[in-house]
């Protein structure tokens, strides 16, 4: 009778600790979320233009990170 109580107790502990596996499994990111995030990042890139010594130049600015994407101005 003691062995049966021990086994039932162990089974109860296993169910208690491993029964709710939803919190243990990591959620994988949704593909649509990844695509939407990349589109949002792409929309935050702006092309800036200027005239320098009579030449038209352009450079890309990242509004999300507030920094230049291109290291130098590019002649058109």
N, C-alpha and C. Protein backbone atom coordinates (compact mmCIF):
# COMPACT_ATOMS: atom_id res chain seq x y z
N UNK A 1 0.83 -1.20 0.00
CA UNK A 1 0.00 0.00 0.00
C UNK A 1 0.87 1.26 0.00
N UNK A 2 2.03 1.24 0.70
CA UNK A 2 2.92 2.39 0.73
C UNK A 2 3.52 2.66 -0.65
N UNK A 3 3.81 1.59 -1.41
CA UNK A 3 4.38 1.77 -2.75
C UNK A 3 3.38 2.47 -3.67
N UNK A 4 2.12 2.12 -3.56
CA UNK A 4 1.08 2.73 -4.40
C UNK A 4 0.96 4.22 -4.06
N UNK A 5 1.02 4.58 -2.79
CA UNK A 5 0.94 5.99 -2.38
C UNK A 5 2.15 6.77 -2.90
N UNK A 6 3.34 6.15 -2.84
CA UNK A 6 4.54 6.82 -3.35
C UNK A 6 4.44 7.06 -4.85
N UNK A 7 3.98 6.05 -5.60
CA UNK A 7 3.84 6.19 -7.04
C UNK A 7 2.80 7.25 -7.40
N UNK A 8 1.68 7.23 -6.70
CA UNK A 8 0.65 8.25 -6.95
C UNK A 8 1.18 9.65 -6.63
N UNK A 9 1.94 9.76 -5.55
CA UNK A 9 2.52 11.05 -5.19
C UNK A 9 3.50 11.53 -6.27
N UNK A 10 4.36 10.63 -6.76
CA UNK A 10 5.31 10.98 -7.82
C UNK A 10 4.59 11.36 -9.11
N UNK A 11 3.55 10.61 -9.45
CA UNK A 11 2.77 10.94 -10.66
C UNK A 11 2.12 12.31 -10.49
N UNK A 12 1.60 12.59 -9.31
CA UNK A 12 0.99 13.90 -9.05
C UNK A 12 2.00 15.03 -9.17
N UNK A 13 3.22 14.82 -8.66
CA UNK A 13 4.27 15.84 -8.79
C UNK A 13 4.64 16.07 -10.25
N UNK A 14 4.76 14.98 -11.00
CA UNK A 14 5.10 15.11 -12.43
C UNK A 14 4.03 15.89 -13.18
N UNK A 15 2.78 15.59 -12.90
CA UNK A 15 1.69 16.31 -13.57
C UNK A 15 1.70 17.78 -13.15
N UNK A 16 1.98 18.04 -11.88
CA UNK A 16 1.99 19.41 -11.39
C UNK A 16 3.10 20.23 -12.06
N UNK A 17 4.31 19.67 -12.14
CA UNK A 17 5.44 20.43 -12.69
C UNK A 17 5.48 20.45 -14.21
N UNK A 18 5.10 19.35 -14.86
CA UNK A 18 5.22 19.26 -16.31
C UNK A 18 3.90 19.34 -17.05
N UNK A 19 2.81 19.49 -16.33
CA UNK A 19 1.50 19.51 -16.96
C UNK A 19 1.22 20.79 -17.74
N UNK A 20 1.73 21.92 -17.26
CA UNK A 20 1.50 23.19 -17.93
C UNK A 20 2.73 23.54 -18.75
N UNK A 21 2.84 22.95 -19.93
CA UNK A 21 4.03 23.14 -20.77
C UNK A 21 3.93 24.36 -21.67
N UNK A 22 2.82 25.08 -21.65
CA UNK A 22 2.68 26.26 -22.51
C UNK A 22 3.69 27.35 -22.13
N UNK A 23 3.98 27.49 -20.86
CA UNK A 23 4.91 28.52 -20.41
C UNK A 23 6.35 28.14 -20.68
N UNK A 24 6.62 26.85 -20.80
CA UNK A 24 7.99 26.39 -20.98
C UNK A 24 8.43 26.54 -22.44
N UNK A 25 7.52 26.30 -23.37
CA UNK A 25 7.85 26.34 -24.80
C UNK A 25 7.98 27.80 -25.24
N UNK A 26 9.08 28.12 -25.88
CA UNK A 26 9.30 29.48 -26.38
C UNK A 26 8.42 29.72 -27.60
N UNK A 27 7.86 30.89 -27.67
CA UNK A 27 7.02 31.23 -28.80
C UNK A 27 7.89 31.61 -29.99
N UNK A 28 7.59 31.04 -31.14
CA UNK A 28 8.30 31.40 -32.35
C UNK A 28 7.65 32.64 -32.94
N UNK A 29 8.43 33.57 -33.46
CA UNK A 29 7.83 34.78 -34.03
C UNK A 29 7.02 34.46 -35.28
N UNK A 30 5.94 35.15 -35.43
CA UNK A 30 5.08 34.98 -36.58
C UNK A 30 5.76 35.57 -37.82
N UNK A 31 5.64 34.88 -38.95
CA UNK A 31 6.28 35.33 -40.19
C UNK A 31 5.73 36.69 -40.60
N UNK A 32 4.43 36.90 -40.44
CA UNK A 32 3.83 38.18 -40.81
C UNK A 32 4.38 39.32 -39.95
N UNK A 33 4.65 39.05 -38.69
CA UNK A 33 5.22 40.06 -37.81
C UNK A 33 6.62 40.44 -38.27
N UNK A 34 7.41 39.45 -38.66
CA UNK A 34 8.76 39.71 -39.14
C UNK A 34 8.72 40.56 -40.41
N UNK A 35 7.81 40.24 -41.33
CA UNK A 35 7.70 40.99 -42.58
C UNK A 35 7.24 42.42 -42.30
N UNK A 36 6.26 42.58 -41.40
CA UNK A 36 5.77 43.92 -41.07
C UNK A 36 6.87 44.76 -40.42
N UNK A 37 7.68 44.14 -39.56
CA UNK A 37 8.78 44.87 -38.93
C UNK A 37 9.81 45.30 -39.96
N UNK A 38 10.11 44.43 -40.92
CA UNK A 38 11.10 44.79 -41.94
C UNK A 38 10.56 45.88 -42.85
N UNK A 39 9.27 45.86 -43.16
CA UNK A 39 8.66 46.92 -43.97
C UNK A 39 8.70 48.24 -43.21
N UNK A 40 8.41 48.18 -41.91
CA UNK A 40 8.44 49.39 -41.09
C UNK A 40 9.85 49.98 -41.08
N UNK A 41 10.85 49.14 -40.95
CA UNK A 41 12.23 49.63 -40.97
C UNK A 41 12.58 50.22 -42.33
N UNK A 42 12.10 49.59 -43.39
CA UNK A 42 12.40 50.09 -44.73
C UNK A 42 11.75 51.46 -44.95
N UNK A 43 10.60 51.68 -44.37
CA UNK A 43 9.91 52.96 -44.53
C UNK A 43 10.60 54.08 -43.78
N UNK A 44 11.41 53.75 -42.80
CA UNK A 44 12.08 54.77 -42.00
C UNK A 44 13.38 55.26 -42.62
N UNK A 45 13.72 54.80 -43.81
CA UNK A 45 14.93 55.25 -44.50
C UNK A 45 14.55 56.35 -45.47
N UNK A 46 15.22 57.50 -45.33
CA UNK A 46 14.91 58.67 -46.15
C UNK A 46 16.16 59.06 -46.93
N UNK A 47 15.98 59.45 -48.18
CA UNK A 47 17.09 59.92 -49.00
C UNK A 47 17.18 61.44 -48.90
N UNK A 48 18.32 61.92 -48.48
CA UNK A 48 18.57 63.37 -48.38
C UNK A 48 19.42 63.78 -49.58
N UNK A 49 19.14 64.94 -50.14
CA UNK A 49 19.90 65.45 -51.29
C UNK A 49 20.46 66.83 -50.96
N UNK A 50 21.52 67.19 -51.68
CA UNK A 50 22.12 68.51 -51.51
C UNK A 50 22.87 68.88 -52.79
N UNK A 51 23.19 70.18 -52.92
CA UNK A 51 24.06 70.67 -53.99
C UNK A 51 25.38 71.05 -53.35
N UNK A 52 26.47 70.48 -53.85
CA UNK A 52 27.79 70.75 -53.30
C UNK A 52 28.75 71.01 -54.45
N UNK A 53 29.26 72.22 -54.54
CA UNK A 53 30.13 72.66 -55.63
C UNK A 53 29.47 72.41 -56.99
N UNK A 54 28.19 72.71 -57.09
CA UNK A 54 27.46 72.59 -58.34
C UNK A 54 27.04 71.17 -58.69
N UNK A 55 27.37 70.20 -57.87
CA UNK A 55 26.98 68.81 -58.12
C UNK A 55 25.86 68.41 -57.17
N UNK A 56 24.93 67.65 -57.72
CA UNK A 56 23.84 67.13 -56.89
C UNK A 56 24.31 65.83 -56.24
N UNK A 57 24.10 65.71 -54.92
CA UNK A 57 24.52 64.53 -54.19
C UNK A 57 23.36 64.00 -53.34
N UNK A 58 23.44 62.72 -53.01
CA UNK A 58 22.41 62.13 -52.15
C UNK A 58 23.06 61.23 -51.10
N UNK A 59 22.31 61.00 -50.03
CA UNK A 59 22.77 60.17 -48.93
C UNK A 59 21.53 59.66 -48.20
N UNK A 60 21.59 58.42 -47.70
CA UNK A 60 20.43 57.83 -47.02
C UNK A 60 20.54 58.01 -45.50
N UNK A 61 19.42 58.41 -44.89
CA UNK A 61 19.33 58.64 -43.46
C UNK A 61 18.33 57.66 -42.85
N UNK A 62 18.70 57.02 -41.73
CA UNK A 62 17.84 56.08 -41.04
C UNK A 62 17.14 56.81 -39.90
N UNK A 63 15.83 57.06 -40.05
CA UNK A 63 15.07 57.77 -39.01
C UNK A 63 14.89 56.92 -37.76
N UNK A 64 14.92 55.61 -37.91
CA UNK A 64 14.73 54.73 -36.76
C UNK A 64 15.92 54.79 -35.81
N UNK A 65 17.14 54.76 -36.36
CA UNK A 65 18.34 54.77 -35.53
C UNK A 65 19.02 56.13 -35.46
N UNK A 66 18.50 57.09 -36.22
CA UNK A 66 19.05 58.45 -36.27
C UNK A 66 20.53 58.46 -36.62
N UNK A 67 20.86 57.83 -37.74
CA UNK A 67 22.23 57.83 -38.23
C UNK A 67 22.25 57.66 -39.74
N UNK A 68 23.38 58.04 -40.35
CA UNK A 68 23.54 57.89 -41.78
C UNK A 68 23.78 56.43 -42.13
N UNK A 69 23.17 55.97 -43.22
CA UNK A 69 23.42 54.62 -43.72
C UNK A 69 24.65 54.63 -44.61
N UNK A 70 24.73 55.63 -45.49
CA UNK A 70 25.88 55.78 -46.37
C UNK A 70 26.96 56.59 -45.65
N UNK A 71 28.22 56.14 -45.67
CA UNK A 71 29.25 56.89 -44.96
C UNK A 71 29.61 58.23 -45.64
N UNK A 72 29.45 58.32 -46.94
CA UNK A 72 29.81 59.53 -47.69
C UNK A 72 28.64 59.96 -48.58
N UNK A 73 28.67 61.21 -49.00
CA UNK A 73 27.70 61.70 -49.97
C UNK A 73 28.04 61.08 -51.33
N UNK A 74 27.02 60.70 -52.09
CA UNK A 74 27.19 60.05 -53.39
C UNK A 74 26.77 61.01 -54.49
N UNK A 75 27.64 61.21 -55.50
CA UNK A 75 27.32 62.07 -56.64
C UNK A 75 26.25 61.39 -57.50
N UNK A 76 25.29 62.21 -57.97
CA UNK A 76 24.25 61.68 -58.88
C UNK A 76 24.73 61.67 -60.30
